[in-house]
């Protein structure tokens, strides 16, 4: 048990370091997305919001009138991503230089 207790400060320090790194990374992303033209920042924020696994399986179509349109492979993907849209929207609006009102998922075809 003393060994585990001795490791707790290390774990605690690691957590603090990761939190600081995460905050720094968020600042870098936000600054970068605010430097590009406003219309492009919403497009570029998509992979940040959804992560690489989803970004690799989707394609940003366009952004117009507050609506970000994302192409998906099938109706199943559309349903799954539509359920996650509020989360994605929150992240995109956190980083984007322009406001995104809605994400629309369009089946490829």
Protein backbone atom coordinates (compact mmCIF):
# COMPACT_ATOMS: atom_id res chain seq x y z
CA UNK A 1 0.00 0.00 0.00
CA UNK A 2 2.79 2.54 0.71
CA UNK A 3 4.00 2.10 -2.88
CA UNK A 4 0.58 3.13 -4.25
CA UNK A 5 0.43 6.10 -1.91
CA UNK A 6 3.87 7.19 -3.04
CA UNK A 7 2.69 7.14 -6.67
CA UNK A 8 -0.34 9.37 -6.03
CA UNK A 9 1.64 12.64 -6.20
CA UNK A 10 3.11 11.53 -9.55
CA UNK A 11 -0.35 10.74 -10.90
CA UNK A 12 -1.61 14.07 -9.62
CA UNK A 13 1.24 15.98 -11.29
CA UNK A 14 0.71 14.11 -14.55
CA UNK A 15 -2.96 15.09 -14.49
CA UNK A 16 -2.05 18.75 -14.02
CA UNK A 17 0.47 18.59 -16.86
CA UNK A 18 -2.09 17.02 -19.19
CA UNK A 19 -4.67 19.66 -18.27
CA UNK A 20 -2.19 22.45 -19.02
CA UNK A 21 -1.21 20.82 -22.33
CA UNK A 22 -4.87 20.41 -23.26
CA UNK A 23 -5.60 24.07 -22.47
CA UNK A 24 -2.57 25.17 -24.52
CA UNK A 25 -3.66 23.02 -27.46
CA UNK A 26 -7.17 24.47 -27.32
CA UNK A 27 -5.73 27.98 -27.42
CA UNK A 28 -3.57 27.13 -30.44
CA UNK A 29 -6.53 25.62 -32.31
CA UNK A 30 -8.81 28.55 -31.50
CA UNK A 31 -6.21 31.10 -32.65
CA UNK A 32 -5.51 29.19 -35.86
CA UNK A 33 -9.20 28.91 -36.75
CA UNK A 34 -9.76 32.60 -36.07
CA UNK A 35 -6.95 33.53 -38.48
CA UNK A 36 -8.53 31.92 -41.53
CA UNK A 37 -11.43 33.56 -43.40
CA UNK A 38 -14.64 33.29 -41.33
CA UNK A 39 -16.39 31.04 -43.87
CA UNK A 40 -13.48 28.60 -43.82
CA UNK A 41 -13.17 28.37 -40.05
CA UNK A 42 -16.45 26.45 -39.74
CA UNK A 43 -15.26 24.00 -42.39
CA UNK A 44 -11.89 23.52 -40.73
CA UNK A 45 -13.44 23.11 -37.28
CA UNK A 46 -15.34 19.95 -38.34
CA UNK A 47 -12.44 17.48 -37.87
CA UNK A 48 -11.59 19.12 -34.55
CA UNK A 49 -15.18 18.67 -33.37
CA UNK A 50 -15.76 15.11 -34.59
CA UNK A 51 -12.29 13.61 -34.33
CA UNK A 52 -10.18 11.87 -36.93
CA UNK A 53 -12.15 8.59 -37.06
CA UNK A 54 -15.36 10.39 -38.08
CA UNK A 55 -13.58 13.00 -40.19
CA UNK A 56 -11.98 10.23 -42.26
CA UNK A 57 -15.42 8.81 -43.06
CA UNK A 58 -17.19 12.09 -43.81
CA UNK A 59 -16.65 15.06 -46.11
CA UNK A 60 -17.43 18.72 -45.53
CA UNK A 61 -19.58 19.90 -48.42
CA UNK A 62 -20.14 23.56 -47.67
CA UNK A 63 -21.12 26.21 -45.16
CA UNK A 64 -23.85 28.66 -46.10
CA UNK A 65 -26.32 30.76 -44.10
CA UNK A 66 -25.21 29.22 -40.81
CA UNK A 67 -25.63 25.62 -41.99
CA UNK A 68 -22.64 23.29 -42.19
CA UNK A 69 -23.35 20.43 -44.60
CA UNK A 70 -21.47 17.17 -44.10
CA UNK A 71 -21.55 14.24 -46.50
CA UNK A 72 -21.92 10.78 -44.90
CA UNK A 73 -21.80 7.26 -46.35
CA UNK A 74 -25.31 6.08 -45.55
CA UNK A 75 -28.53 6.70 -43.62
CA UNK A 76 -27.19 4.83 -40.59
CA UNK A 77 -24.25 7.20 -40.32
CA UNK A 78 -26.60 10.15 -40.80
CA UNK A 79 -28.75 9.00 -37.86
CA UNK A 80 -25.76 8.36 -35.62
CA UNK A 81 -24.11 11.70 -36.38
CA UNK A 82 -27.39 13.62 -36.14
CA UNK A 83 -27.71 12.34 -32.58
CA UNK A 84 -24.25 13.75 -31.84
CA UNK A 85 -24.84 17.03 -33.69
CA UNK A 86 -25.48 19.15 -30.56
CA UNK A 87 -22.06 18.15 -29.20
CA UNK A 88 -20.37 18.80 -32.53
CA UNK A 89 -22.12 22.14 -32.85
CA UNK A 90 -20.94 23.25 -29.42
CA UNK A 91 -17.31 22.42 -30.23
CA UNK A 92 -17.44 24.01 -33.68
CA UNK A 93 -18.91 27.21 -32.27
CA UNK A 94 -16.27 27.23 -29.55
CA UNK A 95 -13.50 27.39 -32.16
CA UNK A 96 -15.04 28.84 -35.31
CA UNK A 97 -14.80 32.52 -36.16
CA UNK A 98 -18.38 32.42 -37.46
CA UNK A 99 -21.52 31.01 -35.87
CA UNK A 100 -22.85 27.66 -37.07
CA UNK A 101 -26.59 27.31 -36.43
CA UNK A 102 -27.04 23.77 -37.63
CA UNK A 103 -25.19 20.77 -39.03
CA UNK A 104 -26.94 18.96 -41.85
CA UNK A 105 -25.83 15.43 -42.72
CA UNK A 106 -26.31 14.47 -46.36
CA UNK A 107 -26.11 10.88 -47.59
CA UNK A 108 -23.57 10.44 -50.38
CA UNK A 109 -25.15 9.85 -53.72
